[in-house]
Amino acid sequence: MRKLVLLFLSCLGSGVPTLAQWQRVTDPVTVRNYDFAKVEPVNAQTAWFAYGTRGAGARISNVEVYRTQDGGRSWQNSSPALTSGPYHWLHELRAVDQQVAWAVVSSSATSGVAATNNQLLSTTDGGATWVSRTLPTPDFAAGRLSMHFFDPTEGVLFSQNARALYRTTDGGLSWQSIATLPALPLAGTYDKIEFYESGSVLTLYSQPADSPTLTHWISTDHGLTWRLLQLNNAPLTGFPVFRDARHALLGQAGQVWASADAGQSWTPATLPPFLAYTGFSPVPGTTAYVAGASSLPDNSTTTKGSAISYDDGRTWTLLENSNTFASIRFAAPDAAWGLQATFDPLGSEFYFGSLSRYNGTALAVRGRALSAGPLQAYPNPSANGRFALQLPTTGLRIRSVRVLDALGRVVYQASSLPADQRLDLSQQPKGLYSLTIQTNEGLLRCPLLKN
């Protein structure tokens, strides 16, 4: 079992008819108490799945990798043969395409002993054979490794133990040090230092022991140069997700923030319509993000579903309302795979559950059909609490207007907008508010910030 970090929200979305479907696929394994589980989508038909179960002494005793090429109807066991020790830990799996994948595995000969002897493995034949690649330096053999491959030959590998980043352009045959890595904390002052990729942007972060504060650096040139990332001059506690080199969403402290300048500045966005959500998944080739509802400790059934935003989190449209997710990964507008999870109240942890595949209409097409533009408010933020509103299209019939504060309390309610389409919150305290307008064509939402 693996504990999941959840983002808890302060407002609920309304029920919306199902617009998209998630089809449960054949599970490659029957085990549910995974410590590591990950689905790596390639397209609508091909995906890789890796998992590791708990072994004696709370260490992984087996590591398995599977691949499907028929949309999850059947799975091929593509696991590497591991001989360096009976206890193994799968750190990471990265699928580049249908045939090429990379994995980081460490091993230990004794149960309950921290795993060492890191191996970087690659396959070019769909997992039929795996080759152990030479690590950049001996320091990479111990500690946690993070990696990302941009294509079958170019990738980067980071060692928390060595606090060093190396790059390969020949599929791991040789490695070159990236000397421009930012100054990182000294050993013993941090809990973890890792990186991840989204929207072609690499994000390196460090987290001190027993602290929620994260220090982030980002690179938009495959790790060659780095820049410190903050939330409007404040430290981050969330993880930014980029859809391209400039646009990102960030969930932090019960709020959502959007950036259009590679994280140099952030503006308030709108929360997805769930009590808890798994994070944001960018849809490649579009301007969209998808968020999935996550299970709550009481296995709540009131906030299931997945939702999509085409305007960088300003508004969300519910795609369906019957699923909960541990993760959602898109490979294309019509190709996504989800990993579901349920909460174990007795163990206070989450079980990874079944796999599902998105089989709805391509989201890029739906985005053009659904979106007539977002609801706009000017100025936003506002110093005096007065906002001029601009509806996305003419001819809308407004049925209700409501504003909630950050605690979900109604501070303004009306059956229509004033004739001048201005909203007056001058008597309300400074803070973040959520405006919802019910129209004959659906809901419009917009965050409002009075500062």
Protein backbone atom coordinates (compact mmCIF):
# COMPACT_ATOMS: atom_id res chain seq x y z
CA MET A 1 0.00 0.00 0.00
CA ARG A 2 1.15 3.47 -0.74
CA LYS A 3 -0.01 6.65 0.93
CA LEU A 4 -1.33 9.19 -1.54
CA VAL A 5 -0.99 12.94 -1.15
CA LEU A 6 -4.45 14.47 -1.58
CA LEU A 7 -5.46 18.06 -2.15
CA PHE A 8 -8.54 18.80 -0.04
CA LEU A 9 -10.95 21.38 -1.36
CA SER A 10 -13.43 23.73 0.23
CA CYS A 11 -16.30 23.58 -2.25
CA LEU A 12 -18.39 21.04 -4.14
CA GLY A 13 -19.34 20.91 -7.81
CA SER A 14 -22.83 20.29 -9.08
CA GLY A 15 -24.02 17.12 -10.78
CA VAL A 16 -23.57 17.13 -14.55
CA PRO A 17 -24.73 14.47 -17.01
CA THR A 18 -22.03 12.03 -18.04
CA LEU A 19 -20.09 13.30 -21.07
CA ALA A 20 -17.17 10.88 -21.19
CA GLN A 21 -16.50 7.31 -20.21
CA TRP A 22 -13.78 5.36 -18.46
CA GLN A 23 -13.85 1.68 -19.36
CA ARG A 24 -12.39 -0.76 -16.89
CA VAL A 25 -9.79 -2.99 -18.52
CA THR A 26 -8.48 -6.42 -17.61
CA ASP A 27 -6.21 -6.15 -14.58
CA PRO A 28 -2.71 -7.50 -15.30
CA VAL A 29 -2.40 -8.62 -11.65
CA THR A 30 -4.79 -9.55 -8.85
CA VAL A 31 -2.70 -8.09 -6.02
CA ARG A 32 -4.12 -4.92 -4.47
CA ASN A 33 -1.62 -3.94 -1.75
CA TYR A 34 0.90 -2.35 -4.09
CA ASP A 35 3.65 -0.21 -2.64
CA PHE A 36 4.50 1.08 -6.10
CA ALA A 37 2.08 1.16 -9.03
CA LYS A 38 2.24 3.15 -12.24
CA VAL A 39 0.60 3.12 -15.66
CA GLU A 40 2.57 4.62 -18.57
CA PRO A 41 0.34 5.27 -21.61
CA VAL A 42 1.68 5.25 -25.17
CA ASN A 43 -1.58 5.52 -27.09
CA ALA A 44 -5.19 4.35 -26.84
CA GLN A 45 -4.18 0.72 -27.34
CA THR A 46 -0.71 0.48 -25.81
CA ALA A 47 0.28 1.07 -22.19
CA TRP A 48 2.89 -0.20 -19.75
CA PHE A 49 2.06 -1.06 -16.14
CA ALA A 50 4.54 -1.64 -13.31
CA TYR A 51 3.97 -2.59 -9.70
CA GLY A 52 5.76 -3.95 -6.67
CA THR A 53 4.21 -5.64 -3.63
CA ARG A 54 5.36 -5.57 -0.06
CA GLY A 55 7.74 -8.33 0.95
CA ALA A 56 9.16 -9.41 4.30
CA GLY A 57 10.54 -6.58 6.38
CA ALA A 58 8.44 -4.03 4.47
CA ARG A 59 10.67 -4.34 1.41
CA ILE A 60 9.65 -5.10 -2.14
CA SER A 61 10.10 -8.80 -2.84
CA ASN A 62 9.09 -8.75 -6.49
CA VAL A 63 8.97 -6.22 -9.32
CA GLU A 64 6.74 -6.83 -12.32
CA VAL A 65 6.20 -4.95 -15.58
CA TYR A 66 3.36 -5.62 -18.03
CA ARG A 67 2.45 -4.26 -21.46
CA THR A 68 -0.81 -4.24 -23.42
CA GLN A 69 -1.24 -3.57 -27.14
CA ASP A 70 -4.98 -4.21 -27.38
CA GLY A 71 -6.44 -1.55 -25.10
CA GLY A 72 -6.08 -3.57 -21.91
CA ARG A 73 -7.92 -6.71 -23.00
CA SER A 74 -4.74 -8.74 -22.49
CA TRP A 75 -1.33 -8.09 -20.94
CA GLN A 76 2.13 -9.45 -21.71
CA ASN A 77 4.51 -10.03 -18.80
CA SER A 78 7.51 -7.85 -19.69
CA SER A 79 9.30 -8.01 -16.33
CA PRO A 80 13.09 -7.79 -16.13
CA ALA A 81 14.99 -10.76 -14.72
CA LEU A 82 16.53 -9.59 -11.43
CA THR A 83 19.33 -11.67 -9.93
CA SER A 84 21.23 -9.24 -7.68
CA GLY A 85 19.18 -9.98 -4.55
CA PRO A 86 15.85 -11.39 -3.39
CA TYR A 87 14.51 -8.02 -2.19
CA HIS A 88 13.92 -5.38 -4.84
CA TRP A 89 12.53 -1.86 -5.01
CA LEU A 90 11.14 -0.39 -8.21
CA HIS A 91 11.93 3.33 -8.20
CA GLU A 92 10.63 4.31 -11.62
CA LEU A 93 9.30 3.18 -14.99
CA ARG A 94 9.36 5.39 -18.10
CA ALA A 95 7.81 4.22 -21.37
CA VAL A 96 9.09 6.04 -24.46
CA ASP A 97 7.03 4.16 -27.05
CA GLN A 98 5.60 0.71 -27.78
CA GLN A 99 9.01 -0.96 -27.69
CA VAL A 100 11.30 1.25 -25.58
CA ALA A 101 11.07 1.64 -21.80
CA TRP A 102 13.42 2.41 -18.91
CA ALA A 103 13.32 1.27 -15.28
CA VAL A 104 15.30 2.01 -12.12
CA VAL A 105 15.53 -0.91 -9.69
CA SER A 106 17.53 -1.32 -6.48
CA SER A 107 18.11 -4.50 -4.53
CA SER A 108 19.17 -5.86 -1.16
CA ALA A 109 20.29 -9.30 -0.08
CA THR A 110 18.73 -8.90 3.39
CA SER A 111 15.14 -8.21 4.36
CA GLY A 112 14.55 -4.92 6.16
CA VAL A 113 17.85 -3.39 4.99
CA ALA A 114 17.77 -0.26 2.87
CA ALA A 115 18.08 -1.24 -0.77
CA THR A 116 21.30 -0.39 -2.59
CA ASN A 117 22.89 -1.59 -5.81
CA ASN A 118 20.86 0.60 -8.16
CA GLN A 119 20.37 -0.63 -11.71
CA LEU A 120 19.29 1.38 -14.75
CA LEU A 121 17.53 -1.02 -17.11
CA SER A 122 16.29 -0.47 -20.66
CA THR A 123 14.38 -2.50 -23.22
CA THR A 124 14.03 -1.91 -26.95
CA ASP A 125 11.88 -4.95 -27.75
CA GLY A 126 8.77 -4.41 -25.65
CA GLY A 127 10.21 -5.98 -22.51
CA ALA A 128 11.29 -9.29 -24.04
CA THR A 129 14.84 -8.48 -22.91
CA TRP A 130 16.26 -5.85 -20.56
CA VAL A 131 19.83 -4.50 -20.59
CA SER A 132 21.60 -3.00 -17.58
CA ARG A 133 23.12 0.36 -18.52
CA THR A 134 26.28 1.78 -16.96
CA LEU A 135 25.57 4.42 -14.31
CA PRO A 136 27.28 7.81 -14.71
CA THR A 137 29.41 7.52 -11.52
CA PRO A 138 29.78 5.03 -8.63
CA ASP A 139 27.80 7.42 -6.38
CA PHE A 140 24.69 6.64 -8.44
CA ALA A 141 24.70 3.03 -7.16
CA ALA A 142 23.14 4.06 -3.82
CA GLY A 143 20.26 6.34 -2.90
CA ARG A 144 17.23 7.36 -4.91
CA LEU A 145 17.42 7.96 -8.67
CA SER A 146 15.02 10.04 -10.78
CA MET A 147 14.97 9.89 -14.56
CA HIS A 148 13.19 11.07 -17.67
CA PHE A 149 13.68 10.17 -21.33
CA PHE A 150 12.53 12.57 -24.03
CA ASP A 151 12.97 9.98 -26.80
CA PRO A 152 14.67 6.57 -27.14
CA THR A 153 18.18 8.09 -26.98
CA GLU A 154 18.03 11.38 -25.02
CA GLY A 155 17.40 11.37 -21.29
CA VAL A 156 18.50 12.71 -17.91
CA LEU A 157 19.29 10.88 -14.68
CA PHE A 158 19.48 12.48 -11.22
CA SER A 159 21.03 10.99 -8.07
CA GLN A 160 19.84 12.19 -4.67
CA ASN A 161 22.91 10.59 -3.10
CA ALA A 162 25.39 12.33 -5.43
CA ARG A 163 23.19 15.43 -5.88
CA ALA A 164 24.22 15.35 -9.54
CA LEU A 165 22.42 15.39 -12.89
CA TYR A 166 23.72 13.65 -16.01
CA ARG A 167 22.49 13.61 -19.60
CA THR A 168 22.72 10.97 -22.32
CA THR A 169 22.11 11.35 -26.05
CA ASP A 170 22.97 7.79 -27.07
CA GLY A 171 20.53 5.70 -25.06
CA GLY A 172 22.63 5.41 -21.91
CA LEU A 173 25.88 4.27 -23.53
CA SER A 174 27.62 7.42 -22.27
CA TRP A 175 26.75 10.25 -19.85
CA GLN A 176 27.68 13.93 -19.60
CA SER A 177 27.48 15.94 -16.39
CA ILE A 178 25.17 18.98 -16.36
CA ALA A 179 27.23 21.49 -14.41
CA THR A 180 24.49 24.15 -14.28
CA LEU A 181 22.47 22.25 -11.66
CA PRO A 182 21.37 24.68 -8.89
CA ALA A 183 23.00 24.58 -5.46
CA LEU A 184 21.20 21.85 -3.53
CA PRO A 185 20.85 21.29 0.26
CA LEU A 186 23.60 19.43 2.06
CA ALA A 187 23.16 15.80 3.02
CA GLY A 188 21.12 15.36 6.19
CA THR A 189 19.14 18.60 5.78
CA TYR A 190 16.53 17.24 3.37
CA ASP A 191 14.07 14.38 3.15
CA LYS A 192 14.14 14.00 -0.62
CA ILE A 193 15.44 15.62 -3.79
CA GLU A 194 13.82 14.42 -7.01
CA PHE A 195 12.58 15.68 -10.34
CA TYR A 196 9.64 15.03 -12.62
CA GLU A 197 8.54 16.11 -16.10
CA SER A 198 5.34 17.65 -17.43
CA GLY A 199 4.67 19.51 -20.66
CA SER A 200 8.36 19.23 -21.71
CA VAL A 201 9.38 21.08 -18.51
CA LEU A 202 11.67 19.42 -15.95
CA THR A 203 10.96 20.32 -12.33
CA LEU A 204 13.57 19.59 -9.66
CA TYR A 205 12.47 19.90 -6.04
CA SER A 206 13.90 19.42 -2.57
CA GLN A 207 11.95 18.90 0.64
CA PRO A 208 13.47 19.30 4.13
CA ALA A 209 12.81 16.56 6.65
CA ASP A 210 9.48 16.98 8.51
CA SER A 211 8.53 20.07 6.49
CA PRO A 212 5.80 20.64 3.87
CA THR A 213 7.83 23.40 2.19
CA LEU A 214 9.28 22.56 -1.21
CA THR A 215 12.03 24.33 -3.13
CA HIS A 216 11.46 24.06 -6.88
CA TRP A 217 13.65 24.75 -9.88
CA ILE A 218 12.47 24.36 -13.48
CA SER A 219 14.22 23.79 -16.79
CA THR A 220 12.65 24.33 -20.21
CA ASP A 221 15.71 23.15 -22.18
CA HIS A 222 16.03 19.50 -21.12
CA GLY A 223 17.98 20.29 -17.96
CA LEU A 224 20.73 22.47 -19.42
CA THR A 225 19.72 25.58 -17.42
CA TRP A 226 17.59 26.04 -14.29
CA ARG A 227 15.54 28.78 -12.61
CA LEU A 228 14.07 29.03 -9.10
CA LEU A 229 10.28 28.66 -9.04
CA GLN A 230 8.07 30.29 -6.38
CA LEU A 231 4.42 31.17 -5.83
CA ASN A 232 4.53 34.97 -6.12
CA ASN A 233 7.71 35.16 -3.98
CA ALA A 234 6.41 32.57 -1.50
CA PRO A 235 7.67 28.97 -1.06
CA LEU A 236 5.71 26.17 -2.70
CA THR A 237 4.00 23.30 -0.89
CA GLY A 238 2.36 21.90 -4.04
CA PHE A 239 3.63 20.52 -7.33
CA PRO A 240 3.21 22.63 -10.49
CA VAL A 241 2.05 20.80 -13.63
CA PHE A 242 3.01 22.31 -16.99
CA ARG A 243 1.07 21.72 -20.21
CA ASP A 244 3.80 23.46 -22.23
CA ALA A 245 6.89 25.56 -21.54
CA ARG A 246 4.83 28.53 -20.31
CA HIS A 247 1.49 27.38 -18.90
CA ALA A 248 1.10 25.61 -15.56
CA LEU A 249 -1.43 24.83 -12.83
CA LEU A 250 -0.58 24.54 -9.15
CA GLY A 251 -2.70 23.28 -6.26
CA GLN A 252 -1.61 24.70 -2.93
CA ALA A 253 -3.29 25.32 0.45
CA GLY A 254 -6.79 24.60 -0.82
CA GLN A 255 -6.44 26.88 -3.85
CA VAL A 256 -5.53 26.54 -7.52
CA TRP A 257 -3.14 28.92 -9.23
CA ALA A 258 -2.37 29.38 -12.94
CA SER A 259 0.73 30.72 -14.66
CA ALA A 260 1.18 31.82 -18.28
CA ASP A 261 4.84 32.88 -18.01
CA ALA A 262 6.66 29.70 -16.95
CA GLY A 263 5.90 30.23 -13.27
CA GLN A 264 7.26 33.76 -12.92
CA SER A 265 3.82 34.95 -11.76
CA TRP A 266 0.61 33.21 -10.66
CA THR A 267 -3.07 34.20 -10.66
CA PRO A 268 -5.97 32.51 -8.84
CA ALA A 269 -7.86 29.80 -10.72
CA THR A 270 -10.86 27.67 -9.78
CA LEU A 271 -10.94 24.44 -7.80
CA PRO A 272 -12.11 21.28 -9.59
CA PRO A 273 -15.59 20.17 -8.43
CA PHE A 274 -14.42 17.50 -5.97
CA LEU A 275 -13.76 17.26 -2.24
CA ALA A 276 -10.35 15.80 -3.08
CA TYR A 277 -8.54 15.42 -6.37
CA THR A 278 -5.49 13.58 -7.66
CA GLY A 279 -3.74 16.51 -9.31
CA PHE A 280 -3.76 17.81 -12.88
CA SER A 281 -3.07 15.84 -16.04
CA PRO A 282 -2.28 17.89 -19.17
CA VAL A 283 -3.81 16.63 -22.42
CA PRO A 284 -1.04 16.67 -25.07
CA GLY A 285 -1.73 18.77 -28.14
CA THR A 286 -4.48 20.80 -26.44
CA THR A 287 -4.84 23.56 -23.85
CA ALA A 288 -6.71 21.21 -21.52
CA TYR A 289 -6.09 19.77 -18.07
CA VAL A 290 -8.05 16.88 -16.54
CA ALA A 291 -8.49 16.35 -12.79
CA GLY A 292 -9.90 13.21 -11.19
CA ALA A 293 -11.76 12.81 -7.92
CA SER A 294 -9.87 10.89 -5.25
CA SER A 295 -11.24 8.68 -2.48
CA LEU A 296 -11.69 10.21 0.95
CA PRO A 297 -10.98 8.39 4.25
CA ASP A 298 -14.67 7.49 4.54
CA ASN A 299 -14.75 6.27 0.90
CA SER A 300 -17.21 9.07 0.17
CA THR A 301 -19.41 8.52 -2.86
CA THR A 302 -20.52 12.14 -3.18
CA THR A 303 -17.59 13.54 -5.13
CA LYS A 304 -16.72 10.96 -7.76
CA GLY A 305 -15.83 11.85 -11.32
CA SER A 306 -13.36 13.55 -13.62
CA ALA A 307 -13.43 17.11 -14.93
CA ILE A 308 -11.71 19.08 -17.68
CA SER A 309 -10.60 22.69 -18.01
CA TYR A 310 -9.82 24.33 -21.36
CA ASP A 311 -8.96 27.75 -19.91
CA ASP A 312 -6.12 27.00 -17.48
CA GLY A 313 -8.31 26.23 -14.51
CA ARG A 314 -10.69 29.20 -14.69
CA THR A 315 -13.67 26.91 -15.36
CA TRP A 316 -14.18 23.14 -15.11
CA THR A 317 -16.63 20.86 -16.94
CA LEU A 318 -17.54 17.54 -15.35
CA LEU A 319 -16.81 14.66 -17.74
CA GLU A 320 -18.46 11.97 -15.62
CA ASN A 321 -19.42 11.37 -12.00
CA SER A 322 -18.86 7.68 -11.25
CA ASN A 323 -15.11 7.10 -10.74
CA THR A 324 -12.32 7.87 -8.27
CA PHE A 325 -8.66 7.90 -9.26
CA ALA A 326 -5.16 7.55 -7.87
CA SER A 327 -3.73 8.94 -11.12
CA ILE A 328 -4.74 9.89 -14.66
CA ARG A 329 -2.24 9.98 -17.53
CA PHE A 330 -2.93 11.25 -21.07
CA ALA A 331 -0.85 10.31 -24.11
CA ALA A 332 -3.16 12.04 -26.63
CA PRO A 333 -6.58 13.74 -26.64
CA ASP A 334 -8.24 10.35 -27.18
CA ALA A 335 -5.77 8.22 -25.22
CA ALA A 336 -5.75 8.23 -21.42
CA TRP A 337 -5.34 5.61 -18.73
CA GLY A 338 -6.45 5.87 -15.12
CA LEU A 339 -5.41 4.02 -11.97
CA GLN A 340 -8.09 3.82 -9.31
CA ALA A 341 -7.66 3.55 -5.54
CA THR A 342 -9.78 3.01 -2.43
CA PHE A 343 -9.16 3.92 1.19
CA ASP A 344 -8.51 1.35 3.91
CA PRO A 345 -9.93 2.93 7.11
CA LEU A 346 -8.27 0.33 9.37
CA GLY A 347 -4.82 0.91 7.96
CA SER A 348 -5.33 4.60 7.17
CA GLU A 349 -3.79 4.00 3.76
CA PHE A 350 -4.87 3.62 0.16
CA TYR A 351 -5.09 0.48 -1.93
CA PHE A 352 -4.33 0.86 -5.60
CA GLY A 353 -7.27 -0.59 -7.48
CA SER A 354 -8.26 -1.35 -11.05
CA LEU A 355 -7.04 0.11 -14.32
CA SER A 356 -9.34 1.97 -16.69
CA ARG A 357 -9.02 3.45 -20.18
CA TYR A 358 -10.67 6.60 -21.49
CA ASN A 359 -13.00 5.74 -24.39
CA GLY A 360 -14.90 8.99 -24.85
CA THR A 361 -14.73 11.50 -27.69
CA ALA A 362 -11.33 13.07 -28.35
CA LEU A 363 -11.08 15.92 -25.85
CA ALA A 364 -9.56 18.36 -28.33
CA VAL A 365 -12.72 18.10 -30.46
CA ARG A 366 -14.99 18.40 -27.45
CA GLY A 367 -13.10 21.46 -26.26
CA ARG A 368 -13.94 23.42 -29.40
CA ALA A 369 -17.58 22.38 -29.19
CA LEU A 370 -18.06 23.18 -25.50
CA SER A 371 -16.04 26.29 -24.94
CA ALA A 372 -17.29 29.68 -26.05
CA GLY A 373 -14.71 31.38 -23.83
CA PRO A 374 -14.40 31.91 -20.09
CA LEU A 375 -16.26 34.26 -17.78
CA GLN A 376 -14.00 37.28 -17.23
CA ALA A 377 -13.77 39.77 -14.35
CA TYR A 378 -11.89 43.08 -14.41
CA PRO A 379 -9.82 44.13 -12.56
CA ASN A 380 -8.90 40.83 -10.95
CA PRO A 381 -7.36 41.11 -8.39
CA SER A 382 -9.34 44.16 -7.27
CA ALA A 383 -8.21 46.55 -4.55
CA ASN A 384 -11.73 47.80 -3.72
CA GLY A 385 -13.73 44.62 -4.34
CA ARG A 386 -15.62 45.94 -7.37
CA PHE A 387 -15.50 43.78 -10.51
CA ALA A 388 -16.76 44.35 -14.06
CA LEU A 389 -17.97 41.07 -15.56
CA GLN A 390 -17.82 39.97 -19.18
CA LEU A 391 -19.87 36.96 -20.23
CA PRO A 392 -18.36 34.60 -22.83
CA THR A 393 -21.22 35.07 -25.30
CA THR A 394 -24.37 37.14 -25.82
CA GLY A 395 -27.88 35.77 -25.47
CA LEU A 396 -27.28 33.80 -22.26
CA ARG A 397 -30.23 33.71 -19.86
CA ILE A 398 -28.98 34.04 -16.30
CA ARG A 399 -30.86 32.03 -13.69
CA SER A 400 -28.79 32.67 -10.56
CA VAL A 401 -25.62 34.39 -9.36
CA ARG A 402 -23.73 33.29 -6.26
CA VAL A 403 -20.41 34.18 -4.62
CA LEU A 404 -18.72 31.98 -2.00
CA ASP A 405 -15.84 32.93 0.26
CA ALA A 406 -12.81 30.72 0.90
CA LEU A 407 -14.74 28.80 3.58
CA GLY A 408 -17.63 28.02 1.23
CA ARG A 409 -20.03 30.54 2.78
CA VAL A 410 -22.47 32.44 0.54
CA VAL A 411 -21.61 36.16 0.63
CA TYR A 412 -23.66 37.26 -2.39
CA GLN A 413 -26.71 35.78 -4.09
CA ALA A 414 -29.08 37.11 -6.76
CA SER A 415 -31.34 35.90 -9.55
CA SER A 416 -29.59 38.03 -12.18
CA LEU A 417 -26.71 40.41 -12.74
CA PRO A 418 -27.09 44.19 -12.42
CA ALA A 419 -27.73 46.02 -15.69
CA ASP A 420 -24.13 47.28 -15.81
CA GLN A 421 -22.84 43.71 -15.15
CA ARG A 422 -20.80 44.86 -12.17
CA LEU A 423 -20.34 42.93 -8.95
CA ASP A 424 -19.76 44.78 -5.68
CA LEU A 425 -17.85 42.96 -2.92
CA SER A 426 -16.51 46.16 -1.36
CA GLN A 427 -18.07 45.29 2.02
CA GLN A 428 -16.36 41.90 2.13
CA PRO A 429 -12.91 41.33 3.67
CA LYS A 430 -9.83 40.76 1.55
CA GLY A 431 -9.46 37.23 0.24
CA LEU A 432 -10.28 34.73 -2.49
CA TYR A 433 -13.91 34.30 -3.64
CA SER A 434 -15.61 32.00 -6.13
CA LEU A 435 -18.25 33.39 -8.50
CA THR A 436 -20.79 30.97 -10.02
CA ILE A 437 -23.39 32.00 -12.60
CA GLN A 438 -26.08 29.51 -13.62
CA THR A 439 -27.24 30.07 -17.21
CA ASN A 440 -29.54 28.30 -19.65
CA GLU A 441 -26.43 26.73 -21.22
CA GLY A 442 -24.69 25.62 -18.03
CA LEU A 443 -22.48 26.94 -15.24
CA LEU A 444 -19.93 29.73 -15.51
CA ARG A 445 -17.27 30.05 -12.82
CA CYS A 446 -14.59 32.61 -12.09
CA PRO A 447 -12.27 33.14 -9.09
CA LEU A 448 -12.23 36.66 -7.65
CA LEU A 449 -9.41 38.05 -5.55
CA LYS A 450 -9.84 41.13 -3.37
CA ASN A 451 -6.49 42.40 -2.16
